[in-house]
Amino acid sequence: MSKNIQATFWAAIALSMVIIGVWVIKTQTGGHAVAGTVAVIHATKVKNTANISNRAEAAPVPAAASTTPVDSTSTPPAMTGKTYRRKPAPKPPIPSYGDMVTQYQNTRIQFDQNCQAHPNQIAIPNPVTLMLDNRSNIEKKIIVGGKSYEVAAYNYVLVILNEKTLPVNLFITCNQQTNVAEIVLQ
């Protein structure tokens, strides 16, 4: 083998070793160089025993063999890129007025323009959720068992009634009119 062919052969071997070394380092560090880690690859002079000369030529080390230390303040490539945010949970649908009337059909008291309650007397089991339904164009102040509730025009309020002593009669006041309705909790 001539010296040029030998040099090319050993240069190809050295380059292959460099590529394999870089690949090993990358796979061991998760695909990026770790701060302070420097790959060192030694190029050894190889002598052909068949053609020993006084001027043994070393295989040139390609530029790819040199490594550069990584700046420890930089963000590794695996940490950069698009940020994914968790989507908020969908909000439950707001029930329509018709759905609420249907749901509270047995525990609903409706108030008209003149604070007349419909029905004006109901008996219901304790505890209960009561729907105070204002069907007028003015806000109403409704008092049930001493607790006051502001009900906007054409709106409703859900009230939870839970009395310890039973049976109990709760009287309802609407604006300035007292005893417009009575609730008997059993």
Protein backbone atom coordinates (compact mmCIF):
# COMPACT_ATOMS: atom_id res chain seq x y z
CA MET A 1 0.00 0.00 0.00
CA SER A 2 1.25 3.43 -0.79
CA LYS A 3 1.62 6.09 1.86
CA ASN A 4 -1.23 8.21 0.43
CA ILE A 5 -3.64 5.30 0.48
CA GLN A 6 -2.55 4.45 4.04
CA ALA A 7 -3.00 8.04 5.17
CA THR A 8 -6.47 8.17 3.59
CA PHE A 9 -7.39 4.84 5.17
CA TRP A 10 -6.30 5.94 8.66
CA ALA A 11 -7.92 9.35 8.22
CA ALA A 12 -11.21 7.60 7.42
CA ILE A 13 -10.77 5.41 10.53
CA ALA A 14 -10.02 8.46 12.68
CA LEU A 15 -13.03 10.33 11.27
CA SER A 16 -15.26 7.30 11.94
CA MET A 17 -14.01 7.20 15.53
CA VAL A 18 -14.74 10.90 15.96
CA ILE A 19 -18.27 10.48 14.62
CA ILE A 20 -18.89 7.46 16.86
CA GLY A 21 -17.43 9.32 19.87
CA VAL A 22 -19.68 12.34 19.30
CA TRP A 23 -22.69 10.05 18.86
CA VAL A 24 -21.89 8.22 22.13
CA ILE A 25 -21.53 11.50 24.03
CA LYS A 26 -24.81 12.82 22.64
CA THR A 27 -26.74 9.65 23.46
CA GLN A 28 -25.34 9.55 27.00
CA THR A 29 -26.24 13.20 27.69
CA GLY A 30 -29.71 13.20 26.18
CA GLY A 31 -28.82 14.75 22.84
CA HIS A 32 -26.87 17.76 24.04
CA ALA A 33 -23.50 18.37 25.61
CA VAL A 34 -23.52 18.90 29.35
CA ALA A 35 -21.85 22.05 30.72
CA GLY A 36 -18.20 21.39 31.41
CA THR A 37 -18.10 18.13 29.42
CA VAL A 38 -15.54 18.11 26.68
CA ALA A 39 -15.03 15.14 24.42
CA VAL A 40 -11.38 14.30 23.99
CA ILE A 41 -10.35 12.03 21.17
CA HIS A 42 -6.73 11.07 20.84
CA ALA A 43 -5.29 10.60 17.41
CA THR A 44 -2.50 8.05 17.57
CA LYS A 45 0.30 7.86 15.09
CA VAL A 46 -0.04 4.57 13.30
CA LYS A 47 3.01 3.13 11.67
CA ASN A 48 2.88 0.56 8.95
CA THR A 49 5.35 -2.14 9.90
CA ALA A 50 5.83 -3.08 6.26
CA ASN A 51 6.90 0.43 5.25
CA ILE A 52 8.64 1.98 8.24
CA SER A 53 10.25 5.23 7.37
CA ASN A 54 12.03 7.80 9.45
CA ARG A 55 9.25 10.26 8.77
CA ALA A 56 6.13 8.41 9.89
CA GLU A 57 3.08 10.34 8.90
CA ALA A 58 0.22 10.75 11.30
CA ALA A 59 -3.29 10.69 10.04
CA PRO A 60 -4.66 14.20 10.03
CA VAL A 61 -7.34 14.87 12.64
CA PRO A 62 -10.37 16.37 10.96
CA ALA A 63 -11.87 19.60 12.27
CA ALA A 64 -15.00 17.73 13.35
CA ALA A 65 -12.99 16.07 16.12
CA SER A 66 -12.65 19.27 18.11
CA THR A 67 -15.36 20.06 20.63
CA THR A 68 -16.33 23.30 22.24
CA PRO A 69 -17.39 23.52 25.88
CA VAL A 70 -21.02 24.48 26.39
CA ASP A 71 -21.89 27.72 28.18
CA SER A 72 -23.46 26.67 31.50
CA THR A 73 -25.86 29.64 31.47
CA SER A 74 -27.51 28.72 28.19
CA THR A 75 -30.71 26.70 28.03
CA PRO A 76 -30.23 23.20 26.67
CA PRO A 77 -31.94 22.58 23.32
CA ALA A 78 -34.35 20.08 24.90
CA MET A 79 -35.77 22.88 27.10
CA THR A 80 -36.49 25.34 24.30
CA GLY A 81 -39.39 25.33 21.92
CA LYS A 82 -43.13 25.66 22.11
CA THR A 83 -44.79 25.84 25.51
CA TYR A 84 -47.92 23.78 25.88
CA ARG A 85 -50.63 24.97 28.22
CA ARG A 86 -53.39 22.86 29.63
CA LYS A 87 -56.77 23.90 28.34
CA PRO A 88 -59.22 24.94 31.04
CA ALA A 89 -62.03 22.55 31.77
CA PRO A 90 -65.17 23.44 29.85
CA LYS A 91 -67.73 25.33 31.89
CA PRO A 92 -71.02 23.55 32.45
CA PRO A 93 -73.87 25.02 30.44
CA ILE A 94 -76.05 27.59 32.22
CA PRO A 95 -79.56 26.18 32.55
CA SER A 96 -82.31 28.16 30.86
CA TYR A 97 -85.14 29.80 32.78
CA GLY A 98 -87.52 27.12 31.44
CA ASP A 99 -85.21 24.37 32.76
CA MET A 100 -85.17 26.00 36.20
CA VAL A 101 -88.99 26.35 36.27
CA THR A 102 -89.28 22.66 35.42
CA GLN A 103 -86.68 21.62 38.00
CA TYR A 104 -88.24 23.69 40.84
CA GLN A 105 -91.88 23.34 39.80
CA ASN A 106 -92.92 22.12 43.30
CA THR A 107 -90.68 24.51 45.25
CA ARG A 108 -91.11 27.77 43.32
CA ILE A 109 -92.89 30.92 44.46
CA GLN A 110 -93.51 33.49 41.74
CA PHE A 111 -93.98 37.20 42.46
CA ASP A 112 -95.86 39.51 40.09
CA GLN A 113 -95.73 43.29 39.58
CA ASN A 114 -97.77 43.94 42.78
CA CYS A 115 -95.82 41.43 44.97
CA GLN A 116 -98.62 38.87 44.80
CA ALA A 117 -97.15 35.40 45.47
CA HIS A 118 -98.21 32.36 43.44
CA PRO A 119 -98.75 29.98 45.21
CA ASN A 120 -99.25 31.86 48.44
CA GLN A 121 -99.02 28.78 50.68
CA ILE A 122 -96.93 25.62 50.23
CA ALA A 123 -95.95 22.71 52.46
CA ILE A 124 -92.57 21.17 51.64
CA PRO A 125 -90.13 18.78 53.33
CA ASN A 126 -87.01 20.09 55.12
CA PRO A 127 -84.28 20.73 53.83
CA VAL A 128 -85.27 22.25 50.50
CA THR A 129 -84.04 24.57 47.78
CA LEU A 130 -86.68 27.20 47.06
CA MET A 131 -86.88 29.27 43.87
CA LEU A 132 -87.96 32.89 44.44
CA ASP A 133 -89.07 34.00 40.97
CA ASN A 134 -89.57 37.74 40.20
CA ARG A 135 -91.73 38.16 37.07
CA SER A 136 -91.95 41.94 37.20
CA ASN A 137 -89.90 44.73 35.67
CA ILE A 138 -88.72 46.08 39.06
CA GLU A 139 -86.31 44.62 41.61
CA LYS A 140 -87.91 42.98 44.64
CA LYS A 141 -86.68 42.68 48.24
CA ILE A 142 -88.03 39.35 49.47
CA ILE A 143 -87.68 38.26 53.10
CA VAL A 144 -88.08 34.57 53.97
CA GLY A 145 -87.89 33.57 57.66
CA GLY A 146 -86.02 36.76 58.57
CA LYS A 147 -83.41 36.49 55.77
CA SER A 148 -83.48 39.11 53.02
CA TYR A 149 -82.87 38.46 49.30
CA GLU A 150 -82.62 40.97 46.44
CA VAL A 151 -84.20 39.56 43.29
CA ALA A 152 -83.53 41.53 40.09
CA ALA A 153 -86.28 42.25 37.55
CA TYR A 154 -87.26 39.15 35.55
CA ASN A 155 -84.79 37.06 37.53
CA TYR A 156 -84.81 34.47 40.31
CA VAL A 157 -82.85 33.48 43.41
CA LEU A 158 -82.36 29.96 44.79
CA VAL A 159 -82.66 29.80 48.58
CA ILE A 160 -81.73 26.80 50.74
CA LEU A 161 -84.05 26.32 53.70
CA ASN A 162 -82.86 23.99 56.46
CA GLU A 163 -84.51 24.39 59.87
CA LYS A 164 -83.55 22.40 62.97
CA THR A 165 -86.96 22.49 64.67
CA LEU A 166 -89.89 21.11 62.67
CA PRO A 167 -92.58 21.77 61.68
CA VAL A 168 -92.06 25.50 61.17
CA ASN A 169 -94.06 28.19 59.40
CA LEU A 170 -91.97 30.76 57.48
CA PHE A 171 -93.72 33.94 56.36
CA ILE A 172 -92.65 35.84 53.26
CA THR A 173 -92.46 39.62 52.86
CA CYS A 174 -92.17 41.26 49.42
CA ASN A 175 -90.96 44.87 49.43
CA GLN A 176 -93.27 46.58 51.99
CA GLN A 177 -96.04 43.94 51.91
CA THR A 178 -95.88 41.45 54.76
CA ASN A 179 -97.20 37.90 54.84
CA VAL A 180 -97.74 37.62 51.09
CA ALA A 181 -96.99 33.89 51.32
CA GLU A 182 -96.40 31.13 53.86
CA ILE A 183 -94.07 28.13 53.71
CA VAL A 184 -94.68 25.16 56.01
CA LEU A 185 -91.50 23.12 56.42
CA GLN A 186 -92.17 19.59 57.61
